[in-house]
C-alpha atoms as a PDB file:
ATOM      1  CA  MET A   1      61.797 -27.224 -30.730  1.00  0.00           C
ATOM      2  CA  HIS A   2      58.828 -27.499 -28.442  1.00  0.00           C
ATOM      3  CA  PRO A   3      58.470 -24.527 -26.034  1.00  0.00           C
ATOM      4  CA  LEU A   4      58.202 -26.835 -23.007  1.00  0.00           C
ATOM      5  CA  ALA A   5      61.427 -28.634 -23.952  1.00  0.00           C
ATOM      6  CA  SER A   6      63.170 -25.314 -24.493  1.00  0.00           C
ATOM      7  CA  GLY A   7      62.082 -24.119 -21.041  1.00  0.00           C
ATOM      8  CA  PHE A   8      63.147 -27.401 -19.480  1.00  0.00           C
ATOM      9  CA  LEU A   9      66.599 -27.179 -21.084  1.00  0.00           C
ATOM     10  CA  SER A  10      66.986 -23.540 -20.072  1.00  0.00           C
ATOM     11  CA  VAL A  11      66.494 -24.631 -16.450  1.00  0.00           C
ATOM     12  CA  LEU A  12      68.378 -27.933 -16.564  1.00  0.00           C
ATOM     13  CA  VAL A  13      71.622 -26.712 -18.165  1.00  0.00           C
ATOM     14  CA  PRO A  14      72.466 -24.044 -15.513  1.00  0.00           C
ATOM     15  CA  VAL A  15      71.581 -26.479 -12.727  1.00  0.00           C
ATOM     16  CA  LEU A  16      73.921 -29.108 -14.173  1.00  0.00           C
ATOM     17  CA  VAL A  17      76.698 -26.547 -14.638  1.00  0.00           C
ATOM     18  CA  GLN A  18      76.321 -25.418 -11.014  1.00  0.00           C
ATOM     19  CA  PHE A  19      76.364 -29.038  -9.827  1.00  0.00           C
ATOM     20  CA  VAL A  20      79.552 -29.815 -11.771  1.00  0.00           C
ATOM     21  CA  LEU A  21      81.216 -26.677 -10.404  1.00  0.00           C
ATOM     22  CA  PHE A  22      80.184 -27.673  -6.879  1.00  0.00           C
ATOM     23  CA  LEU A  23      81.660 -31.157  -7.325  1.00  0.00           C
ATOM     24  CA  ARG A  24      84.948 -29.678  -8.575  1.00  0.00           C
ATOM     25  CA  TRP A  25      85.069 -27.307  -5.597  1.00  0.00           C
ATOM     26  CA  LEU A  26      84.302 -30.142  -3.165  1.00  0.00           C
ATOM     27  CA  HIS A  27      86.994 -32.377  -4.647  1.00  0.00           C
ATOM     28  CA  ARG A  28      89.578 -29.585  -4.512  1.00  0.00           C
ATOM     29  CA  ARG A  29      88.664 -28.785  -0.908  1.00  0.00           C
ATOM     30  CA  MET A  30      88.929 -32.416   0.180  1.00  0.00           C
ATOM     31  CA  ARG A  31      92.244 -32.855  -1.621  1.00  0.00           C
ATOM     32  CA  ASN A  32      93.626 -29.677  -0.061  1.00  0.00           C
ATOM     33  CA  ASP A  33      92.659 -30.938   3.408  1.00  0.00           C
ATOM     34  CA  GLU A  34      94.473 -34.223   2.711  1.00  0.00           C
ATOM     35  CA  ILE A  35      97.619 -32.378   1.640  1.00  0.00           C
ATOM     36  CA  VAL A  36      97.565 -30.103   4.693  1.00  0.00           C
ATOM     37  CA  GLY A  37      97.019 -33.088   6.992  1.00  0.00           C
ATOM     38  CA  ALA A  38      99.934 -34.977   5.448  1.00  0.00           C
ATOM     39  CA  PHE A  39     102.148 -31.891   5.779  1.00  0.00           C
ATOM     40  CA  VAL A  40     101.315 -31.395   9.458  1.00  0.00           C
ATOM     41  CA  ARG A  41     101.808 -35.114  10.178  1.00  0.00           C
ATOM     42  CA  ASP A  42     105.202 -35.021   8.426  1.00  0.00           C
ATOM     43  CA  ILE A  43     106.329 -31.941  10.342  1.00  0.00           C
ATOM     44  CA  ALA A  44     105.252 -33.445  13.668  1.00  0.00           C
ATOM     45  CA  ALA A  45     106.700 -36.902  13.096  1.00  0.00           C
ATOM     46  CA  ASN A  46     109.939 -36.092  11.284  1.00  0.00           C
ATOM     47  CA  HIS A  47     111.009 -32.547  12.074  1.00  0.00           C
ATOM     48  CA  LEU A  48     109.818 -31.765  15.604  1.00  0.00           C
ATOM     49  CA  PRO A  49     112.081 -34.373  17.257  1.00  0.00           C
ATOM     50  CA  HIS A  50     115.112 -32.826  15.530  1.00  0.00           C
ATOM     51  CA  ILE A  51     114.026 -29.324  16.518  1.00  0.00           C
ATOM     52  CA  TYR A  52     113.604 -30.389  20.156  1.00  0.00           C
ATOM     53  CA  THR A  53     117.001 -32.115  20.130  1.00  0.00           C
ATOM     54  CA  ALA A  54     118.689 -28.987  18.801  1.00  0.00           C
ATOM     55  CA  LEU A  55     116.819 -26.835  21.317  1.00  0.00           C
ATOM     56  CA  HIS A  56     117.991 -29.030  24.197  1.00  0.00           C
ATOM     57  CA  GLU A  57     121.591 -28.892  22.953  1.00  0.00           C
ATOM     58  CA  ILE A  58     121.469 -25.084  22.778  1.00  0.00           C
ATOM     59  CA  ALA A  59     119.898 -24.871  26.219  1.00  0.00           C
ATOM     60  CA  GLU A  60     122.529 -27.235  27.629  1.00  0.00           C
ATOM     61  CA  ARG A  61     125.328 -25.015  26.278  1.00  0.00           C
ATOM     62  CA  GLN A  62     123.668 -21.996  27.881  1.00  0.00           C
ATOM     63  CA  GLY A  63     123.232 -23.821  31.197  1.00  0.00           C
ATOM     64  CA  ILE A  64     119.446 -23.854  31.013  1.00  0.00           C
ATOM     65  CA  THR A  65     117.459 -26.919  32.001  1.00  0.00           C
ATOM     66  CA  LEU A  66     114.421 -27.629  29.908  1.00  0.00           C
ATOM     67  CA  PRO A  67     111.521 -29.914  30.769  1.00  0.00           C
ATOM     68  CA  GLU A  68     111.045 -33.226  29.001  1.00  0.00           C
ATOM     69  CA  THR A  69     110.038 -32.932  25.346  1.00  0.00           C
ATOM     70  CA  PRO A  70     106.312 -33.396  24.827  1.00  0.00           C
ATOM     71  CA  MET A  71     104.980 -36.487  23.116  1.00  0.00           C
ATOM     72  CA  VAL A  72     103.476 -36.012  19.668  1.00  0.00           C
ATOM     73  CA  ARG A  73      99.903 -37.281  19.590  1.00  0.00           C
ATOM     74  CA  PHE A  74      97.742 -37.798  16.549  1.00  0.00           C
ATOM     75  CA  VAL A  75      93.982 -37.702  16.863  1.00  0.00           C
ATOM     76  CA  ASP A  76      92.133 -39.575  14.162  1.00  0.00           C
ATOM     77  CA  LEU A  77      88.743 -38.277  13.066  1.00  0.00           C
ATOM     78  CA  ASN A  78      87.261 -41.680  13.905  1.00  0.00           C
ATOM     79  CA  GLY A  79      88.173 -41.148  17.533  1.00  0.00           C
ATOM     80  CA  HIS A  80      91.259 -43.387  17.671  1.00  0.00           C
ATOM     81  CA  ARG A  81      94.425 -41.999  19.204  1.00  0.00           C
ATOM     82  CA  ARG A  82      97.925 -43.051  18.400  1.00  0.00           C
ATOM     83  CA  SER A  83     101.241 -41.804  19.739  1.00  0.00           C
ATOM     84  CA  ARG A  84     104.550 -41.624  17.952  1.00  0.00           C
END
């Protein structure tokens, strides 16, 4: 093999390996963020209303008045807001 080609391959192979590892890390990071976002959205939309209802029932039995339950707001990264 030509010495120049051998030197080129000895530089190119580690760079390509590093690039592939970076792409795998980036994909895993983005996927993890999607999963965490879906989990938080699910907790806020499905479970918080039930938790607040139970909290108000417990407070009512104890004779405590609680303020109105807060509205759940989602903030989209594009700047759009939506309420549920």
